[in-house]
Protein backbone atom coordinates (compact mmCIF):
# COMPACT_ATOMS: atom_id res chain seq x y z
CA MET A 1 -26.49 -114.78 -174.95
CA LEU A 2 -24.77 -114.10 -171.62
CA ASN A 3 -21.04 -113.43 -171.94
CA ASP A 4 -20.41 -115.81 -169.04
CA ASN A 5 -21.54 -118.66 -171.31
CA ILE A 6 -18.84 -117.86 -173.86
CA LYS A 7 -15.11 -118.59 -173.70
CA ILE A 8 -12.53 -117.82 -176.37
CA PHE A 9 -10.39 -120.96 -176.36
CA LYS A 10 -8.07 -119.74 -179.10
CA GLU A 11 -7.96 -116.17 -180.37
CA GLY A 12 -6.92 -117.16 -183.87
CA GLN A 13 -7.82 -115.12 -186.93
CA VAL A 14 -11.37 -114.12 -187.71
CA LYS A 15 -11.05 -114.39 -191.47
CA LYS A 16 -13.33 -113.05 -194.15
CA ASN A 17 -14.20 -116.53 -195.30
CA LYS A 18 -16.98 -118.82 -196.58
CA TYR A 19 -18.78 -120.22 -193.52
CA ILE A 20 -18.91 -120.81 -189.77
CA ILE A 21 -18.47 -124.27 -188.29
CA TYR A 22 -20.16 -125.53 -185.14
CA TRP A 23 -18.42 -128.65 -183.83
CA MET A 24 -21.20 -130.54 -182.06
CA GLN A 25 -20.04 -132.95 -179.35
CA SER A 26 -21.99 -133.59 -176.16
CA ALA A 27 -24.95 -131.33 -177.02
CA GLN A 28 -26.48 -133.57 -179.67
CA ARG A 29 -29.68 -131.62 -180.14
CA VAL A 30 -31.14 -128.67 -182.03
CA LYS A 31 -33.66 -127.39 -179.49
CA GLU A 32 -32.26 -125.26 -176.65
CA ASN A 33 -28.65 -125.71 -177.69
CA PRO A 34 -26.75 -122.53 -176.70
CA ALA A 35 -23.75 -123.37 -178.90
CA LEU A 36 -25.94 -123.87 -181.98
CA ASN A 37 -27.91 -120.72 -181.16
CA TYR A 38 -24.70 -118.72 -180.94
CA ALA A 39 -23.39 -120.21 -184.18
CA VAL A 40 -26.60 -119.35 -186.05
CA SER A 41 -26.56 -115.83 -184.65
CA LYS A 42 -22.95 -115.31 -185.80
CA ALA A 43 -23.68 -116.75 -189.24
CA ASN A 44 -26.64 -114.41 -189.62
CA ASP A 45 -24.63 -111.40 -188.48
CA LEU A 46 -22.00 -112.14 -191.13
CA GLU A 47 -24.52 -113.44 -193.69
CA VAL A 48 -22.68 -116.70 -194.29
CA PRO A 49 -23.75 -120.36 -194.16
CA LEU A 50 -23.37 -122.50 -191.06
CA ILE A 51 -22.07 -126.06 -191.09
CA VAL A 52 -22.62 -128.32 -188.10
CA PHE A 53 -19.82 -130.88 -187.84
CA PHE A 54 -19.89 -134.09 -185.81
CA ASN A 55 -16.80 -136.23 -185.39
CA LEU A 56 -17.50 -139.96 -185.15
CA SER A 57 -14.56 -141.46 -183.29
CA ASP A 58 -14.27 -145.11 -182.34
CA GLN A 59 -11.58 -144.16 -179.83
CA PHE A 60 -13.79 -142.71 -177.08
CA PRO A 61 -12.77 -144.52 -173.86
CA ASP A 62 -15.10 -147.37 -172.81
CA ALA A 63 -17.75 -146.68 -175.46
CA ASN A 64 -19.26 -149.73 -177.15
CA LEU A 65 -22.05 -150.73 -179.52
CA ARG A 66 -24.78 -149.95 -176.99
CA HIS A 67 -23.58 -146.36 -176.62
CA TYR A 68 -22.91 -145.81 -180.32
CA TYR A 69 -26.29 -147.19 -181.41
CA PHE A 70 -28.16 -144.89 -179.02
CA MET A 71 -26.04 -141.93 -180.12
CA LEU A 72 -26.52 -142.57 -183.84
CA GLU A 73 -30.28 -142.83 -183.35
CA GLY A 74 -30.10 -139.36 -181.81
CA LEU A 75 -27.97 -137.97 -184.62
CA LYS A 76 -30.69 -138.95 -187.09
CA ASP A 77 -33.01 -136.55 -185.25
CA VAL A 78 -30.31 -133.86 -185.34
CA LYS A 79 -29.82 -134.24 -189.09
CA SER A 80 -33.56 -134.06 -189.77
CA GLU A 81 -34.10 -130.96 -187.63
CA LEU A 82 -31.05 -129.17 -189.05
CA LYS A 83 -32.23 -129.90 -192.59
CA GLU A 84 -35.58 -128.25 -191.79
CA ARG A 85 -33.65 -125.12 -190.81
CA GLY A 86 -31.37 -125.09 -193.85
CA ILE A 87 -28.25 -126.00 -191.88
CA GLY A 88 -25.71 -128.41 -193.31
CA PHE A 89 -24.68 -131.42 -191.22
CA VAL A 90 -21.33 -133.12 -191.81
CA ILE A 91 -20.32 -136.34 -190.04
CA LYS A 92 -16.82 -137.70 -190.49
CA LYS A 93 -15.05 -140.67 -188.97
CA GLY A 94 -11.58 -140.34 -187.44
CA LYS A 95 -9.76 -137.98 -185.12
CA PRO A 96 -11.27 -134.51 -184.56
CA ALA A 97 -8.02 -132.67 -185.28
CA ASP A 98 -7.47 -134.58 -188.53
CA ASN A 99 -10.97 -133.80 -189.75
CA LEU A 100 -11.25 -130.21 -188.55
CA LYS A 101 -7.91 -129.06 -189.94
CA PRO A 102 -9.10 -129.14 -193.59
CA LEU A 103 -12.69 -128.18 -192.70
CA THR A 104 -11.57 -124.95 -191.04
CA LYS A 105 -9.37 -123.78 -193.93
CA LYS A 106 -12.27 -121.69 -195.23
CA ALA A 107 -13.98 -121.15 -191.88
CA ILE A 108 -14.47 -117.74 -190.31
CA MET A 109 -14.49 -119.30 -186.86
CA LEU A 110 -14.99 -122.61 -185.07
CA ILE A 111 -17.60 -122.82 -182.32
CA SER A 112 -17.94 -125.75 -179.95
CA GLU A 113 -18.98 -126.79 -176.43
CA ARG A 114 -17.34 -126.68 -173.04
CA GLY A 115 -17.19 -130.43 -172.45
CA TYR A 116 -15.54 -131.16 -169.10
CA LEU A 117 -14.26 -134.74 -169.35
CA ASN A 118 -10.54 -135.36 -169.90
CA GLN A 119 -11.09 -136.80 -173.39
CA GLU A 120 -13.04 -133.74 -174.50
CA ARG A 121 -10.38 -131.42 -173.12
CA SER A 122 -7.66 -133.38 -174.90
CA TRP A 123 -9.49 -133.22 -178.24
CA ARG A 124 -9.94 -129.46 -177.91
CA LYS A 125 -6.22 -128.93 -177.30
CA GLN A 126 -5.33 -131.08 -180.29
CA VAL A 127 -7.74 -129.19 -182.54
CA ALA A 128 -6.49 -125.81 -181.34
CA GLN A 129 -2.95 -126.78 -182.33
CA VAL A 130 -3.84 -127.44 -185.98
CA ILE A 131 -6.32 -124.67 -186.83
CA ASP A 132 -5.65 -120.97 -187.27
CA CYS A 133 -9.17 -119.52 -187.02
CA ARG A 134 -10.80 -118.31 -183.82
CA PHE A 135 -12.07 -121.14 -181.57
CA ILE A 136 -14.99 -120.33 -179.24
CA LEU A 137 -16.56 -122.52 -176.54
CA ILE A 138 -20.12 -122.25 -175.26
CA ASN A 139 -21.55 -123.82 -172.10
CA THR A 140 -24.18 -126.41 -173.05
CA ASN A 141 -23.86 -129.20 -170.47
CA THR A 142 -25.12 -127.46 -167.36
CA ILE A 143 -27.56 -124.66 -166.62
CA VAL A 144 -25.00 -122.59 -164.70
CA PRO A 145 -21.47 -122.64 -166.19
CA VAL A 146 -19.23 -124.65 -163.87
CA ASP A 147 -16.68 -121.90 -163.29
CA ILE A 148 -19.40 -119.29 -162.74
CA ALA A 149 -21.13 -121.41 -160.09
CA THR A 150 -17.96 -121.57 -157.99
CA ASP A 151 -14.19 -121.26 -158.32
CA LYS A 152 -13.24 -124.49 -156.51
CA GLU A 153 -14.08 -128.15 -156.11
CA GLU A 154 -17.03 -128.26 -153.76
CA TYR A 155 -17.08 -130.59 -150.76
CA ALA A 156 -20.70 -131.74 -151.01
CA ALA A 157 -24.17 -130.80 -152.21
CA TYR A 158 -24.76 -128.49 -149.26
CA THR A 159 -21.73 -126.35 -150.17
CA ILE A 160 -22.85 -125.78 -153.78
CA ARG A 161 -26.66 -125.80 -153.48
CA LYS A 162 -27.12 -122.10 -152.70
CA LYS A 163 -24.47 -121.05 -155.23
CA ILE A 164 -26.31 -122.88 -158.00
CA LYS A 165 -29.84 -121.90 -157.01
CA ASN A 166 -28.94 -118.21 -156.80
CA LYS A 167 -27.84 -118.25 -160.44
CA ILE A 168 -30.34 -120.55 -162.18
CA GLU A 169 -32.81 -117.91 -163.35
CA ARG A 170 -29.97 -115.84 -164.75
CA PHE A 171 -28.99 -118.61 -167.16
CA VAL A 172 -32.10 -120.66 -167.78
CA ASN A 173 -33.92 -118.38 -170.24
CA GLU A 174 -31.92 -119.23 -173.36
CA ILE A 175 -32.76 -117.28 -176.53
CA GLN A 176 -34.52 -119.53 -179.02
CA LEU A 177 -32.92 -120.58 -182.28
CA GLU A 178 -33.01 -117.98 -185.03
CA LYS A 179 -33.83 -118.87 -188.61
CA LEU A 180 -30.65 -119.10 -190.67
CA LYS A 181 -30.53 -116.41 -193.36
CA ILE A 182 -28.17 -118.20 -195.74
CA ASN A 183 -29.21 -121.75 -196.57
CA SER A 184 -26.27 -124.12 -196.24
CA LEU A 185 -27.78 -127.44 -197.22
CA ARG A 186 -25.43 -127.67 -200.17
CA ASN A 187 -21.83 -127.86 -199.11
CA GLU A 188 -18.63 -129.19 -200.52
CA PHE A 189 -17.90 -131.78 -197.85
CA LYS A 190 -18.70 -135.46 -197.98
CA SER A 191 -20.46 -136.87 -194.93
CA ILE A 192 -21.33 -140.23 -193.42
CA LYS A 193 -24.97 -141.02 -194.15
CA LEU A 194 -27.17 -142.16 -191.29
CA ASN A 195 -29.50 -144.38 -193.32
CA ASN A 196 -28.09 -147.66 -192.00
CA ILE A 197 -26.86 -147.58 -188.40
CA GLU A 198 -25.85 -151.24 -188.42
CA GLN A 199 -23.61 -150.64 -191.43
CA ILE A 200 -21.92 -147.66 -189.75
CA LEU A 201 -21.32 -149.68 -186.58
CA SER A 202 -19.84 -152.57 -188.52
CA GLU A 203 -17.17 -150.21 -189.86
CA LEU A 204 -16.15 -148.93 -186.43
CA LYS A 205 -13.51 -150.65 -184.33
CA ILE A 206 -15.62 -150.92 -181.19
CA ASP A 207 -16.65 -153.54 -178.64
CA SER A 208 -19.77 -155.17 -180.10
CA SER A 209 -20.38 -157.55 -177.20
CA VAL A 210 -22.74 -155.15 -175.38
CA LYS A 211 -25.91 -155.06 -177.43
CA ARG A 212 -28.29 -152.13 -177.86
CA SER A 213 -30.75 -151.51 -175.06
CA PRO A 214 -34.20 -153.06 -175.55
CA ILE A 215 -35.90 -150.30 -173.53
CA PHE A 216 -34.22 -147.10 -174.78
CA LYS A 217 -34.41 -145.45 -178.19
CA GLY A 218 -32.10 -142.51 -178.76
CA GLY A 219 -33.03 -139.05 -179.96
CA SER A 220 -34.45 -135.70 -178.92
CA LYS A 221 -37.97 -136.60 -180.01
CA LYS A 222 -38.01 -139.63 -177.74
CA ALA A 223 -36.47 -137.62 -174.89
CA VAL A 224 -39.17 -134.96 -175.09
CA SER A 225 -41.95 -137.56 -175.21
CA MET A 226 -40.47 -139.32 -172.17
CA LEU A 227 -40.31 -136.02 -170.28
CA ASP A 228 -43.95 -135.31 -171.11
CA GLU A 229 -44.96 -138.79 -169.98
CA PHE A 230 -42.99 -138.33 -166.74
CA ILE A 231 -44.60 -135.00 -165.97
CA ASN A 232 -48.11 -136.16 -166.78
CA ASN A 233 -48.03 -139.55 -165.06
CA LYS A 234 -45.10 -139.85 -162.64
CA LEU A 235 -43.92 -136.52 -161.26
CA GLU A 236 -46.59 -136.40 -158.55
CA LEU A 237 -45.38 -139.78 -157.32
CA TYR A 238 -41.66 -139.07 -157.58
CA GLU A 239 -41.13 -137.62 -154.11
CA GLU A 240 -42.67 -140.68 -152.45
CA TYR A 241 -41.57 -143.43 -154.83
CA GLY A 242 -38.67 -142.07 -156.87
CA SER A 243 -36.09 -144.11 -154.98
CA SER A 244 -38.17 -147.30 -155.07
CA PRO A 245 -36.84 -149.96 -157.45
CA ASP A 246 -40.21 -151.74 -157.29
CA HIS A 247 -41.99 -148.70 -158.78
CA ASN A 248 -41.55 -147.15 -162.20
CA VAL A 249 -41.76 -143.44 -161.52
CA THR A 250 -38.29 -142.20 -162.49
CA SER A 251 -37.86 -140.07 -165.62
CA LYS A 252 -35.19 -142.32 -167.21
CA LEU A 253 -33.80 -139.17 -168.85
CA SER A 254 -30.18 -139.65 -167.75
CA PRO A 255 -29.05 -141.30 -171.03
CA TYR A 256 -30.57 -138.42 -172.99
CA LEU A 257 -28.88 -135.87 -170.76
CA HIS A 258 -25.57 -137.70 -171.13
CA PHE A 259 -25.65 -137.49 -174.93
CA GLY A 260 -27.11 -133.99 -174.83
CA GLN A 261 -30.26 -135.10 -176.62
CA ILE A 262 -32.29 -132.99 -174.20
CA SER A 263 -31.31 -129.80 -172.39
CA PRO A 264 -31.33 -129.57 -168.58
CA SER A 265 -32.71 -126.04 -169.00
CA TYR A 266 -35.63 -127.38 -171.04
CA ILE A 267 -36.42 -130.00 -168.40
CA TYR A 268 -36.20 -127.41 -165.63
CA LYS A 269 -38.57 -125.02 -167.39
CA LYS A 270 -41.10 -127.74 -168.19
CA ILE A 271 -41.08 -128.88 -164.55
CA LYS A 272 -41.50 -125.29 -163.29
CA GLU A 273 -44.52 -124.82 -165.57
CA THR A 274 -46.41 -127.39 -163.50
CA SER A 275 -47.99 -126.86 -160.10
CA ILE A 276 -46.46 -130.09 -158.79
CA GLU A 277 -44.05 -130.09 -155.86
CA ALA A 278 -40.83 -131.30 -157.47
CA GLU A 279 -37.99 -130.36 -155.11
CA ASP A 280 -36.60 -133.90 -154.96
CA PHE A 281 -36.44 -134.20 -158.73
CA LEU A 282 -34.93 -130.74 -159.19
CA GLU A 283 -32.34 -131.53 -156.51
CA GLN A 284 -31.14 -134.42 -158.67
CA LEU A 285 -31.41 -132.58 -161.98
CA ILE A 286 -29.66 -129.41 -160.87
CA VAL A 287 -27.79 -129.56 -157.57
CA ARG A 288 -26.49 -133.13 -157.72
CA ARG A 289 -25.89 -133.12 -161.47
CA GLU A 290 -24.07 -129.80 -161.49
CA LEU A 291 -22.04 -130.87 -158.44
CA SER A 292 -20.80 -133.78 -160.56
CA PHE A 293 -19.63 -131.42 -163.31
CA ASN A 294 -17.88 -129.37 -160.64
CA PHE A 295 -16.13 -132.60 -159.57
CA VAL A 296 -14.74 -133.58 -162.99
CA TYR A 297 -13.86 -129.97 -163.88
CA PHE A 298 -11.75 -129.34 -160.80
CA ASN A 299 -10.39 -132.87 -160.32
CA ASN A 300 -8.75 -134.51 -163.34
CA ASN A 301 -8.28 -137.73 -161.36
CA TYR A 302 -12.03 -138.44 -161.27
CA ASN A 303 -11.54 -141.86 -162.91
CA THR A 304 -8.11 -142.94 -161.68
CA GLN A 305 -7.03 -142.88 -158.02
CA LEU A 306 -9.33 -142.91 -155.00
CA SER A 307 -6.59 -141.27 -152.95
CA GLU A 308 -6.78 -138.23 -155.25
CA ILE A 309 -10.55 -137.72 -155.17
CA LEU A 310 -11.84 -138.67 -151.71
CA PRO A 311 -11.92 -136.47 -148.60
CA ASP A 312 -9.19 -137.21 -146.07
CA TRP A 313 -11.54 -138.90 -143.60
CA ALA A 314 -12.73 -141.40 -146.22
CA ILE A 315 -9.25 -142.36 -147.39
CA GLU A 316 -8.07 -142.68 -143.81
CA THR A 317 -10.94 -144.90 -142.69
CA LEU A 318 -10.82 -147.13 -145.78
CA ASN A 319 -7.08 -147.61 -145.32
CA GLN A 320 -7.56 -148.49 -141.66
CA HIS A 321 -10.03 -151.22 -142.61
CA ASN A 322 -8.27 -152.42 -145.74
CA GLU A 323 -7.14 -155.65 -144.09
CA ASP A 324 -10.53 -156.50 -142.62
CA LYS A 325 -11.68 -160.00 -143.50
CA ARG A 326 -14.32 -160.12 -146.25
CA GLU A 327 -17.01 -162.77 -145.82
CA TYR A 328 -17.39 -162.88 -149.59
CA LEU A 329 -14.84 -162.12 -152.31
CA TYR A 330 -15.93 -162.10 -155.95
CA SER A 331 -13.94 -161.85 -159.15
CA LEU A 332 -14.80 -159.39 -161.92
CA ASP A 333 -16.16 -162.27 -163.98
CA GLU A 334 -18.49 -163.39 -161.18
CA LEU A 335 -19.72 -159.86 -160.65
CA GLU A 336 -20.17 -159.09 -164.33
CA ASN A 337 -22.24 -162.26 -164.80
CA TYR A 338 -24.36 -161.55 -161.69
CA ASN A 339 -23.16 -164.67 -159.93
CA THR A 340 -23.13 -163.77 -156.22
CA HIS A 341 -25.02 -165.02 -153.15
CA ASP A 342 -27.21 -161.87 -153.12
CA GLU A 343 -30.31 -162.17 -155.31
CA TYR A 344 -31.06 -158.45 -155.10
CA TRP A 345 -27.56 -157.49 -156.22
CA ASN A 346 -27.69 -160.08 -159.01
CA ALA A 347 -30.98 -158.62 -160.23
CA ALA A 348 -29.55 -155.10 -160.26
CA GLN A 349 -26.48 -156.22 -162.20
CA LYS A 350 -28.67 -158.19 -164.62
CA GLU A 351 -30.89 -155.15 -165.18
CA MET A 352 -27.83 -153.05 -166.01
CA VAL A 353 -26.25 -155.64 -168.31
CA LEU A 354 -29.44 -156.27 -170.29
CA SER A 355 -30.99 -152.81 -170.39
CA GLY A 356 -28.30 -150.20 -169.65
CA TYR A 357 -30.33 -148.86 -166.73
CA MET A 358 -30.65 -149.28 -162.97
CA ASN A 359 -32.78 -147.47 -160.42
CA GLY A 360 -30.76 -144.88 -158.48
CA TYR A 361 -31.19 -146.48 -155.06
CA MET A 362 -30.13 -149.86 -156.43
CA ARG A 363 -27.07 -148.20 -157.97
CA MET A 364 -26.01 -147.14 -154.50
CA TYR A 365 -26.56 -150.62 -153.06
CA TRP A 366 -24.85 -152.19 -156.09
CA GLY A 367 -21.71 -150.10 -155.63
CA LYS A 368 -21.57 -150.52 -151.85
CA LYS A 369 -21.55 -154.29 -152.20
CA ILE A 370 -18.70 -154.21 -154.72
CA LEU A 371 -16.70 -152.30 -152.08
CA GLU A 372 -17.63 -154.96 -149.51
CA TRP A 373 -16.88 -157.96 -151.74
CA THR A 374 -13.53 -156.83 -153.19
CA SER A 375 -10.10 -157.23 -151.62
CA ASP A 376 -9.27 -153.51 -151.43
CA PRO A 377 -11.04 -150.19 -152.13
CA GLN A 378 -8.92 -149.14 -155.13
CA LYS A 379 -9.64 -152.44 -156.88
CA ALA A 380 -13.33 -152.07 -156.01
CA PHE A 381 -13.29 -148.57 -157.47
CA GLU A 382 -11.77 -149.82 -160.72
CA ILE A 383 -14.26 -152.70 -161.02
CA THR A 384 -17.22 -150.40 -160.31
CA LEU A 385 -16.06 -147.92 -162.94
CA PHE A 386 -15.47 -150.69 -165.46
CA LEU A 387 -18.98 -152.13 -165.09
CA ASN A 388 -20.54 -148.68 -164.85
CA ASN A 389 -18.92 -147.46 -168.06
CA LYS A 390 -19.41 -150.67 -170.00
CA TYR A 391 -23.11 -151.23 -169.44
CA PHE A 392 -24.88 -148.04 -168.39
CA LEU A 393 -26.12 -145.85 -171.23
CA ASP A 394 -25.32 -142.88 -169.00
CA GLY A 395 -21.92 -144.24 -168.00
CA ARG A 396 -18.78 -142.22 -168.80
CA ASP A 397 -20.66 -139.13 -167.59
CA PRO A 398 -19.78 -136.61 -164.86
CA ASN A 399 -22.91 -137.64 -162.98
CA SER A 400 -21.87 -141.27 -163.23
CA TYR A 401 -18.27 -140.63 -162.13
CA ALA A 402 -19.50 -138.68 -159.12
CA GLY A 403 -21.97 -141.45 -158.30
CA VAL A 404 -19.22 -144.06 -158.28
CA ALA A 405 -16.97 -141.86 -156.14
CA TRP A 406 -19.87 -141.36 -153.69
CA ILE A 407 -19.85 -145.09 -153.01
CA PHE A 408 -16.45 -144.60 -151.39
CA GLY A 409 -17.28 -141.41 -149.46
CA LYS A 410 -17.12 -138.55 -151.99
CA HIS A 411 -19.67 -135.78 -151.36
CA ASP A 412 -20.78 -137.59 -148.18
CA ARG A 413 -20.04 -137.46 -144.46
CA ALA A 414 -18.61 -139.89 -141.92
CA TRP A 415 -21.04 -142.43 -140.43
CA LYS A 416 -20.93 -145.06 -137.68
CA GLU A 417 -17.73 -147.10 -138.00
CA ARG A 418 -18.13 -150.63 -139.35
CA LYS A 419 -16.05 -153.52 -140.60
CA ILE A 420 -14.59 -153.00 -144.11
CA TYR A 421 -16.47 -149.72 -144.68
CA GLY A 422 -14.96 -147.91 -141.76
CA LYS A 423 -16.89 -144.63 -141.50
CA VAL A 424 -18.06 -144.74 -145.13
CA ARG A 425 -21.83 -145.06 -145.47
CA TYR A 426 -23.04 -148.66 -145.20
CA MET A 427 -25.99 -150.31 -146.97
CA ASN A 428 -27.39 -153.80 -146.52
CA LYS A 429 -30.00 -156.20 -147.87
CA ALA A 430 -32.24 -155.82 -144.82
CA GLY A 431 -32.59 -152.14 -145.64
CA LEU A 432 -33.95 -153.00 -149.08
CA ASP A 433 -36.49 -155.41 -147.58
CA ARG A 434 -37.54 -152.80 -145.04
CA LYS A 435 -38.06 -150.03 -147.59
CA PHE A 436 -39.26 -151.74 -150.76
CA ASN A 437 -41.21 -154.64 -152.26
CA MET A 438 -38.16 -156.47 -153.53
CA GLU A 439 -40.10 -159.46 -154.83
CA LYS A 440 -41.85 -157.10 -157.20
CA TYR A 441 -38.47 -155.75 -158.31
CA LEU A 442 -37.12 -159.26 -158.95
CA LYS A 443 -40.13 -160.10 -161.12
CA LYS A 444 -39.65 -156.88 -163.07
CA VAL A 445 -36.02 -157.74 -163.85
CA ASP A 446 -36.92 -161.33 -164.75
CA LYS A 447 -39.05 -160.00 -167.60
CA LEU A 448 -35.94 -158.59 -169.26
CA GLY A 449 -34.79 -162.11 -170.11
């Protein structure tokens, strides 16, 4: 494994102890998981068992039943695949620091992932304070480690594109998982069983008002099958129809990427094995996605204040037009219940509420209209984030936070000045009618219920 993938978060003591622990977080998979690969390699070198630990917290910001159900479905795949490889899997409910403190008493070292969201960073600091063994972090979320791609917050896709593309091949060929020498199926720790997901959810203090998605099933097996189906039947059409809400040619892999149920490296390699022109798809998978990780890594205010995340021109123009009269003003309740004058926007919101998904182009239109129909940009930002995080399966993700910020001018340029928007990019209903068969889209959403 490349040294650039590895960071020692806490030196600690490398004790002559009983086992190694891998704390799985946002890389909820066995295949092409650099942190798991590293942990297995270390366990084999020292000829000790490996325990994979997952902390089930009901305190993750904005997560609800829809997110937890999808995640637990995926963890069932993880448990099954780890068992096949003789690796113990321990799931405990509570705070990571409270659970890892006793678990690491007999651990040689703790290995985990370089999650970039504020909550993940906070958990790592709390854990580091209560353990005394070495604590190592491995990059698993992106192909190119964020701080290797660049040493600053990038302005837009064009400023990071070359930096990422020049390094992809260096990082993409991950060593495959070794076979564990010392079987660690039997261990001394009690674990939550995954036999009954509904029972587990009933014991968590979470919002149960957002029901599981009727169109997504969690897990690495499902993610791989969806990728295969995309490559075989949709990839050739993606460049022409990928942005079309009336077509069904997107991969729908973003929820699986968010929970780490599939690796971006694996997707990249499978796409490159084909002879299909896929630049548009790879732009989204690599350049745009890794730009979003750059955003949350270098800007801790990604989900708080617009004034702290937007370029100067965007803040200035939005402030100048803050008092512009809005033809329509909608409350959060009206927006959440898709009760506006715009049938296309209502359909997009309905699709998100019922399924946890929305076509990418409609996401842009959806967010732009919230800006237009809200009394001020900061309030619009907060409403957009709230709905985004509550209903999307891939909400609460760097890619999602960057997408919301883009609505207000992040990673974009100044356009023709207009009412309310100022120089921030404008979108309207006529543009949807001009580009797409919106009646077909409306009928598709109606089938959801």
